[in-house]
């Protein structure tokens, strides 16, 4: 059975406060849900989101950039 992803909106607001007036880089950001929530607060300068999932750039309409941090045959 597929589990639903849980987004902690209070955590996103706390992160926005923690990173206020800063540039944020998110690794493993999936579909960019936290990126969007943090950016909506207007507290951070920028938030660049990255994930290694194939086609994530297309799936998120450019909001999340593909970045493969691991390489090697053990992950293929």
PDB file of N, CA and C in Angstrom:
ATOM      1  N   UNK A   1       0.832  -1.180   0.000  1.00  0.00           N
ATOM      2  CA  UNK A   1       0.000   0.000   0.000  1.00  0.00           C
ATOM      3  C   UNK A   1       0.877   1.243   0.000  1.00  0.00           C
ATOM      4  N   UNK A   2       0.529   2.193  -0.822  1.00  0.00           N
ATOM      5  CA  UNK A   2       1.292   3.434  -0.940  1.00  0.00           C
ATOM      6  C   UNK A   2       0.930   4.379   0.198  1.00  0.00           C
ATOM      7  N   UNK A   3       1.957   4.898   0.866  1.00  0.00           N
ATOM      8  CA  UNK A   3       1.727   5.836   1.956  1.00  0.00           C
ATOM      9  C   UNK A   3       1.690   7.255   1.419  1.00  0.00           C
ATOM     10  N   UNK A   4       0.852   8.070   2.011  1.00  0.00           N
ATOM     11  CA  UNK A   4       0.733   9.462   1.621  1.00  0.00           C
ATOM     12  C   UNK A   4       1.837  10.274   2.286  1.00  0.00           C
ATOM     13  N   UNK A   5       2.399  11.195   1.532  1.00  0.00           N
ATOM     14  CA  UNK A   5       3.423  12.087   2.075  1.00  0.00           C
ATOM     15  C   UNK A   5       2.776  13.107   3.008  1.00  0.00           C
ATOM     16  N   UNK A   6       3.386  13.329   4.149  1.00  0.00           N
ATOM     17  CA  UNK A   6       2.890  14.309   5.116  1.00  0.00           C
ATOM     18  C   UNK A   6       3.752  15.567   5.053  1.00  0.00           C
ATOM     19  N   UNK A   7       3.130  16.702   4.880  1.00  0.00           N
ATOM     20  CA  UNK A   7       3.823  17.982   4.880  1.00  0.00           C
ATOM     21  C   UNK A   7       3.517  18.688   6.191  1.00  0.00           C
ATOM     22  N   UNK A   8       4.553  19.034   6.923  1.00  0.00           N
ATOM     23  CA  UNK A   8       4.413  19.714   8.205  1.00  0.00           C
ATOM     24  C   UNK A   8       4.476  21.226   7.966  1.00  0.00           C
ATOM     25  N   UNK A   9       3.323  21.862   7.882  1.00  0.00           N
ATOM     26  CA  UNK A   9       3.265  23.292   7.579  1.00  0.00           C
ATOM     27  C   UNK A   9       3.877  24.144   8.695  1.00  0.00           C
ATOM     28  N   UNK A  10       3.758  23.694   9.928  1.00  0.00           N
ATOM     29  CA  UNK A  10       4.383  24.431  11.030  1.00  0.00           C
ATOM     30  C   UNK A  10       5.899  24.390  10.905  1.00  0.00           C
ATOM     31  N   UNK A  11       6.417  23.251  10.474  1.00  0.00           N
ATOM     32  CA  UNK A  11       7.855  23.142  10.251  1.00  0.00           C
ATOM     33  C   UNK A  11       8.289  24.098   9.143  1.00  0.00           C
ATOM     34  N   UNK A  12       7.527  24.163   8.070  1.00  0.00           N
ATOM     35  CA  UNK A  12       7.857  25.067   6.966  1.00  0.00           C
ATOM     36  C   UNK A  12       7.893  26.520   7.437  1.00  0.00           C
ATOM     37  N   UNK A  13       6.948  26.913   8.268  1.00  0.00           N
ATOM     38  CA  UNK A  13       6.928  28.282   8.801  1.00  0.00           C
ATOM     39  C   UNK A  13       8.121  28.528   9.717  1.00  0.00           C
ATOM     40  N   UNK A  14       8.474  27.529  10.516  1.00  0.00           N
ATOM     41  CA  UNK A  14       9.634  27.656  11.401  1.00  0.00           C
ATOM     42  C   UNK A  14      10.921  27.768  10.590  1.00  0.00           C
ATOM     43  N   UNK A  15      11.019  26.985   9.526  1.00  0.00           N
ATOM     44  CA  UNK A  15      12.197  27.062   8.658  1.00  0.00           C
ATOM     45  C   UNK A  15      12.288  28.428   7.987  1.00  0.00           C
ATOM     46  N   UNK A  16      11.162  28.955   7.557  1.00  0.00           N
ATOM     47  CA  UNK A  16      11.150  30.282   6.939  1.00  0.00           C
ATOM     48  C   UNK A  16      11.665  31.337   7.915  1.00  0.00           C
ATOM     49  N   UNK A  17      11.274  31.232   9.172  1.00  0.00           N
ATOM     50  CA  UNK A  17      11.760  32.171  10.183  1.00  0.00           C
ATOM     51  C   UNK A  17      13.239  31.975  10.454  1.00  0.00           C
ATOM     52  N   UNK A  18      13.663  30.728  10.519  1.00  0.00           N
ATOM     53  CA  UNK A  18      15.068  30.418  10.764  1.00  0.00           C
ATOM     54  C   UNK A  18      15.964  30.949   9.643  1.00  0.00           C
ATOM     55  N   UNK A  19      15.486  30.840   8.409  1.00  0.00           N
ATOM     56  CA  UNK A  19      16.274  31.243   7.247  1.00  0.00           C
ATOM     57  C   UNK A  19      15.914  32.642   6.736  1.00  0.00           C
ATOM     58  N   UNK A  20      15.266  33.449   7.547  1.00  0.00           N
ATOM     59  CA  UNK A  20      14.836  34.783   7.129  1.00  0.00           C
ATOM     60  C   UNK A  20      16.006  35.590   6.568  1.00  0.00           C
ATOM     61  N   UNK A  21      15.749  36.255   5.448  1.00  0.00           N
ATOM     62  CA  UNK A  21      16.724  37.113   4.762  1.00  0.00           C
ATOM     63  C   UNK A  21      17.952  36.352   4.273  1.00  0.00           C
ATOM     64  N   UNK A  22      17.813  35.061   4.024  1.00  0.00           N
ATOM     65  CA  UNK A  22      18.929  34.243   3.556  1.00  0.00           C
ATOM     66  C   UNK A  22      18.577  33.547   2.247  1.00  0.00           C
ATOM     67  N   UNK A  23      19.593  32.984   1.648  1.00  0.00           N
ATOM     68  CA  UNK A  23      19.425  32.155   0.456  1.00  0.00           C
ATOM     69  C   UNK A  23      19.421  30.698   0.903  1.00  0.00           C
ATOM     70  N   UNK A  24      18.435  29.929   0.461  1.00  0.00           N
ATOM     71  CA  UNK A  24      18.268  28.549   0.899  1.00  0.00           C
ATOM     72  C   UNK A  24      18.485  27.599  -0.279  1.00  0.00           C
ATOM     73  N   UNK A  25      19.159  26.485  -0.009  1.00  0.00           N
ATOM     74  CA  UNK A  25      19.314  25.407  -0.984  1.00  0.00           C
ATOM     75  C   UNK A  25      18.763  24.140  -0.346  1.00  0.00           C
ATOM     76  N   UNK A  26      17.812  23.517  -0.997  1.00  0.00           N
ATOM     77  CA  UNK A  26      17.211  22.293  -0.495  1.00  0.00           C
ATOM     78  C   UNK A  26      17.639  21.109  -1.330  1.00  0.00           C
ATOM     79  N   UNK A  27      18.212  20.092  -0.693  1.00  0.00           N
ATOM     80  CA  UNK A  27      18.618  18.865  -1.385  1.00  0.00           C
ATOM     81  C   UNK A  27      17.645  17.749  -1.027  1.00  0.00           C
ATOM     82  N   UNK A  28      17.224  16.996  -2.027  1.00  0.00           N
ATOM     83  CA  UNK A  28      16.232  15.947  -1.785  1.00  0.00           C
ATOM     84  C   UNK A  28      14.866  16.543  -1.555  1.00  0.00           C
ATOM     85  N   UNK A  29      14.550  17.582  -2.289  1.00  0.00           N
ATOM     86  CA  UNK A  29      13.322  18.345  -2.072  1.00  0.00           C
ATOM     87  C   UNK A  29      12.072  17.757  -2.705  1.00  0.00           C
ATOM     88  N   UNK A  30      12.203  16.623  -3.357  1.00  0.00           N
ATOM     89  CA  UNK A  30      11.011  16.003  -3.945  1.00  0.00           C
ATOM     90  C   UNK A  30      10.313  16.960  -4.893  1.00  0.00           C
ATOM     91  N   UNK A  31       9.031  17.124  -4.715  1.00  0.00           N
ATOM     92  CA  UNK A  31       8.247  18.001  -5.597  1.00  0.00           C
ATOM     93  C   UNK A  31       8.293  19.474  -5.191  1.00  0.00           C
ATOM     94  N   UNK A  32       9.080  19.803  -4.196  1.00  0.00           N
ATOM     95  CA  UNK A  32       9.265  21.206  -3.827  1.00  0.00           C
ATOM     96  C   UNK A  32       8.180  21.795  -2.940  1.00  0.00           C
ATOM     97  N   UNK A  33       7.477  20.955  -2.219  1.00  0.00           N
ATOM     98  CA  UNK A  33       6.392  21.434  -1.366  1.00  0.00           C
ATOM     99  C   UNK A  33       6.898  22.392  -0.296  1.00  0.00           C
ATOM    100  N   UNK A  34       7.981  22.021   0.382  1.00  0.00           N
ATOM    101  CA  UNK A  34       8.520  22.900   1.419  1.00  0.00           C
ATOM    102  C   UNK A  34       9.081  24.173   0.797  1.00  0.00           C
ATOM    103  N   UNK A  35       9.691  24.065  -0.363  1.00  0.00           N
ATOM    104  CA  UNK A  35      10.189  25.243  -1.078  1.00  0.00           C
ATOM    105  C   UNK A  35       9.056  26.243  -1.285  1.00  0.00           C
ATOM    106  N   UNK A  36       7.954  25.753  -1.797  1.00  0.00           N
ATOM    107  CA  UNK A  36       6.818  26.632  -2.081  1.00  0.00           C
ATOM    108  C   UNK A  36       6.254  27.261  -0.813  1.00  0.00           C
ATOM    109  N   UNK A  37       6.127  26.474   0.236  1.00  0.00           N
ATOM    110  CA  UNK A  37       5.595  27.015   1.490  1.00  0.00           C
ATOM    111  C   UNK A  37       6.515  28.072   2.090  1.00  0.00           C
ATOM    112  N   UNK A  38       7.810  27.799   2.070  1.00  0.00           N
ATOM    113  CA  UNK A  38       8.779  28.752   2.621  1.00  0.00           C
ATOM    114  C   UNK A  38       8.791  30.036   1.782  1.00  0.00           C
ATOM    115  N   UNK A  39       8.785  29.909   0.473  1.00  0.00           N
ATOM    116  CA  UNK A  39       8.804  31.088  -0.387  1.00  0.00           C
ATOM    117  C   UNK A  39       7.556  31.945  -0.223  1.00  0.00           C
ATOM    118  N   UNK A  40       6.417  31.306  -0.001  1.00  0.00           N
ATOM    119  CA  UNK A  40       5.163  32.060   0.170  1.00  0.00           C
ATOM    120  C   UNK A  40       5.175  32.990   1.380  1.00  0.00           C
ATOM    121  N   UNK A  41       6.017  32.694   2.353  1.00  0.00           N
ATOM    122  CA  UNK A  41       6.077  33.559   3.531  1.00  0.00           C
ATOM    123  C   UNK A  41       6.745  34.893   3.211  1.00  0.00           C
ATOM    124  N   UNK A  42       7.563  34.913   2.158  1.00  0.00           N
ATOM    125  CA  UNK A  42       8.275  36.129   1.796  1.00  0.00           C
ATOM    126  C   UNK A  42       9.462  36.436   2.689  1.00  0.00           C
ATOM    127  N   UNK A  43       9.823  35.500   3.551  1.00  0.00           N
ATOM    128  CA  UNK A  43      10.900  35.736   4.514  1.00  0.00           C
ATOM    129  C   UNK A  43      12.288  35.433   3.984  1.00  0.00           C
ATOM    130  N   UNK A  44      12.403  34.532   3.011  1.00  0.00           N
ATOM    131  CA  UNK A  44      13.726  34.162   2.500  1.00  0.00           C
ATOM    132  C   UNK A  44      13.998  34.897   1.191  1.00  0.00           C
ATOM    133  N   UNK A  45      15.281  35.088   0.888  1.00  0.00           N
ATOM    134  CA  UNK A  45      15.655  35.768  -0.358  1.00  0.00           C
ATOM    135  C   UNK A  45      15.343  34.875  -1.556  1.00  0.00           C
ATOM    136  N   UNK A  46      15.919  33.684  -1.543  1.00  0.00           N
ATOM    137  CA  UNK A  46      15.687  32.707  -2.609  1.00  0.00           C
ATOM    138  C   UNK A  46      15.711  31.310  -2.010  1.00  0.00           C
ATOM    139  N   UNK A  47      15.146  30.365  -2.734  1.00  0.00           N
ATOM    140  CA  UNK A  47      15.159  28.968  -2.305  1.00  0.00           C
ATOM    141  C   UNK A  47      15.305  28.123  -3.557  1.00  0.00           C
ATOM    142  N   UNK A  48      16.478  27.546  -3.742  1.00  0.00           N
ATOM    143  CA  UNK A  48      16.726  26.654  -4.868  1.00  0.00           C
ATOM    144  C   UNK A  48      16.558  25.215  -4.403  1.00  0.00           C
ATOM    145  N   UNK A  49      15.675  24.485  -5.067  1.00  0.00           N
ATOM    146  CA  UNK A  49      15.367  23.112  -4.685  1.00  0.00           C
ATOM    147  C   UNK A  49      15.956  22.135  -5.701  1.00  0.00           C
ATOM    148  N   UNK A  50      16.553  21.051  -5.184  1.00  0.00           N
ATOM    149  CA  UNK A  50      17.170  20.027  -6.014  1.00  0.00           C
ATOM    150  C   UNK A  50      16.689  18.649  -5.578  1.00  0.00           C
ATOM    151  N   UNK A  51      16.570  17.737  -6.556  1.00  0.00           N
ATOM    152  CA  UNK A  51      16.202  16.356  -6.253  1.00  0.00           C
ATOM    153  C   UNK A  51      16.769  15.464  -7.345  1.00  0.00           C
ATOM    154  N   UNK A  52      17.025  14.221  -7.030  1.00  0.00           N
ATOM    155  CA  UNK A  52      17.607  13.289  -7.981  1.00  0.00           C
ATOM    156  C   UNK A  52      16.609  12.478  -8.777  1.00  0.00           C
ATOM    157  N   UNK A  53      15.325  12.696  -8.570  1.00  0.00           N
ATOM    158  CA  UNK A  53      14.312  11.918  -9.288  1.00  0.00           C
ATOM    159  C   UNK A  53      14.318  12.247 -10.775  1.00  0.00           C
ATOM    160  N   UNK A  54      14.224  11.216 -11.605  1.00  0.00           N
ATOM    161  CA  UNK A  54      14.158  11.467 -13.047  1.00  0.00           C
ATOM    162  C   UNK A  54      12.952  12.343 -13.391  1.00  0.00           C
ATOM    163  N   UNK A  55      13.150  13.253 -14.285  1.00  0.00           N
ATOM    164  CA  UNK A  55      12.081  14.126 -14.803  1.00  0.00           C
ATOM    165  C   UNK A  55      11.505  15.095 -13.774  1.00  0.00           C
ATOM    166  N   UNK A  56      12.185  15.278 -12.626  1.00  0.00           N
ATOM    167  CA  UNK A  56      11.637  16.154 -11.588  1.00  0.00           C
ATOM    168  C   UNK A  56      11.475  17.584 -12.093  1.00  0.00           C
ATOM    169  N   UNK A  57      12.370  18.003 -12.976  1.00  0.00           N
ATOM    170  CA  UNK A  57      12.282  19.350 -13.533  1.00  0.00           C
ATOM    171  C   UNK A  57      10.974  19.517 -14.315  1.00  0.00           C
ATOM    172  N   UNK A  58      10.614  18.506 -15.091  1.00  0.00           N
ATOM    173  CA  UNK A  58       9.371  18.549 -15.866  1.00  0.00           C
ATOM    174  C   UNK A  58       8.151  18.402 -14.964  1.00  0.00           C
ATOM    175  N   UNK A  59       8.232  17.488 -14.010  1.00  0.00           N
ATOM    176  CA  UNK A  59       7.102  17.232 -13.107  1.00  0.00           C
ATOM    177  C   UNK A  59       6.726  18.482 -12.316  1.00  0.00           C
ATOM    178  N   UNK A  60       7.747  19.251 -11.898  1.00  0.00           N
ATOM    179  CA  UNK A  60       7.516  20.436 -11.066  1.00  0.00           C
ATOM    180  C   UNK A  60       7.490  21.722 -11.880  1.00  0.00           C
ATOM    181  N   UNK A  61       7.468  21.578 -13.191  1.00  0.00           N
ATOM    182  CA  UNK A  61       7.451  22.738 -14.096  1.00  0.00           C
ATOM    183  C   UNK A  61       8.602  23.693 -13.809  1.00  0.00           C
ATOM    184  N   UNK A  62       9.784  23.105 -13.591  1.00  0.00           N
ATOM    185  CA  UNK A  62      10.990  23.890 -13.416  1.00  0.00           C
ATOM    186  C   UNK A  62      11.276  24.396 -12.018  1.00  0.00           C
ATOM    187  N   UNK A  63      10.411  24.092 -11.060  1.00  0.00           N
ATOM    188  CA  UNK A  63      10.614  24.584  -9.696  1.00  0.00           C
ATOM    189  C   UNK A  63      11.688  23.799  -8.956  1.00  0.00           C
ATOM    190  N   UNK A  64      11.880  22.529  -9.325  1.00  0.00           N
ATOM    191  CA  UNK A  64      12.914  21.693  -8.711  1.00  0.00           C
ATOM    192  C   UNK A  64      13.853  21.234  -9.819  1.00  0.00           C
ATOM    193  N   UNK A  65      15.145  21.352  -9.568  1.00  0.00           N
ATOM    194  CA  UNK A  65      16.166  21.024 -10.550  1.00  0.00           C
ATOM    195  C   UNK A  65      16.733  19.641 -10.238  1.00  0.00           C
ATOM    196  N   UNK A  66      16.978  18.852 -11.298  1.00  0.00           N
ATOM    197  CA  UNK A  66      17.531  17.520 -11.073  1.00  0.00           C
ATOM    198  C   UNK A  66      19.013  17.618 -10.721  1.00  0.00           C
ATOM    199  N   UNK A  67      19.396  16.882  -9.687  1.00  0.00           N
ATOM    200  CA  UNK A  67      20.784  16.824  -9.239  1.00  0.00           C
ATOM    201  C   UNK A  67      21.023  15.447  -8.657  1.00  0.00           C
ATOM    202  N   UNK A  68      21.898  14.687  -9.292  1.00  0.00           N
ATOM    203  CA  UNK A  68      22.240  13.348  -8.817  1.00  0.00           C
ATOM    204  C   UNK A  68      23.494  13.453  -7.967  1.00  0.00           C
ATOM    205  N   UNK A  69      23.376  13.250  -6.681  1.00  0.00           N
ATOM    206  CA  UNK A  69      24.513  13.359  -5.771  1.00  0.00           C
ATOM    207  C   UNK A  69      25.314  12.072  -5.680  1.00  0.00           C
ATOM    208  N   UNK A  70      24.681  10.959  -5.971  1.00  0.00           N
ATOM    209  CA  UNK A  70      25.351   9.663  -5.883  1.00  0.00           C
ATOM    210  C   UNK A  70      25.508   9.061  -7.269  1.00  0.00           C
ATOM    211  N   UNK A  71      26.611   8.392  -7.468  1.00  0.00           N
ATOM    212  CA  UNK A  71      26.784   7.648  -8.717  1.00  0.00           C
ATOM    213  C   UNK A  71      27.525   6.350  -8.386  1.00  0.00           C
ATOM    214  N   UNK A  72      27.428   5.414  -9.274  1.00  0.00           N
ATOM    215  CA  UNK A  72      28.088   4.143  -9.039  1.00  0.00           C
ATOM    216  C   UNK A  72      27.139   2.991  -9.261  1.00  0.00           C
ATOM    217  N   UNK A  73      27.697   1.834  -9.513  1.00  0.00           N
ATOM    218  CA  UNK A  73      26.886   0.679  -9.870  1.00  0.00           C
ATOM    219  C   UNK A  73      26.018   0.187  -8.720  1.00  0.00           C
ATOM    220  N   UNK A  74      26.376   0.447  -7.468  1.00  0.00           N
ATOM    221  CA  UNK A  74      25.572  -0.046  -6.356  1.00  0.00           C
ATOM    222  C   UNK A  74      24.184   0.623  -6.307  1.00  0.00           C
ATOM    223  N   UNK A  75      24.009   1.724  -7.026  1.00  0.00           N
ATOM    224  CA  UNK A  75      22.721   2.431  -7.008  1.00  0.00           C
ATOM    225  C   UNK A  75      21.964   2.288  -8.311  1.00  0.00           C
ATOM    226  N   UNK A  76      22.483   1.504  -9.244  1.00  0.00           N
ATOM    227  CA  UNK A  76      21.820   1.350 -10.535  1.00  0.00           C
ATOM    228  C   UNK A  76      20.849   0.214 -10.527  1.00  0.00           C
TER     229      UNK A  76
END
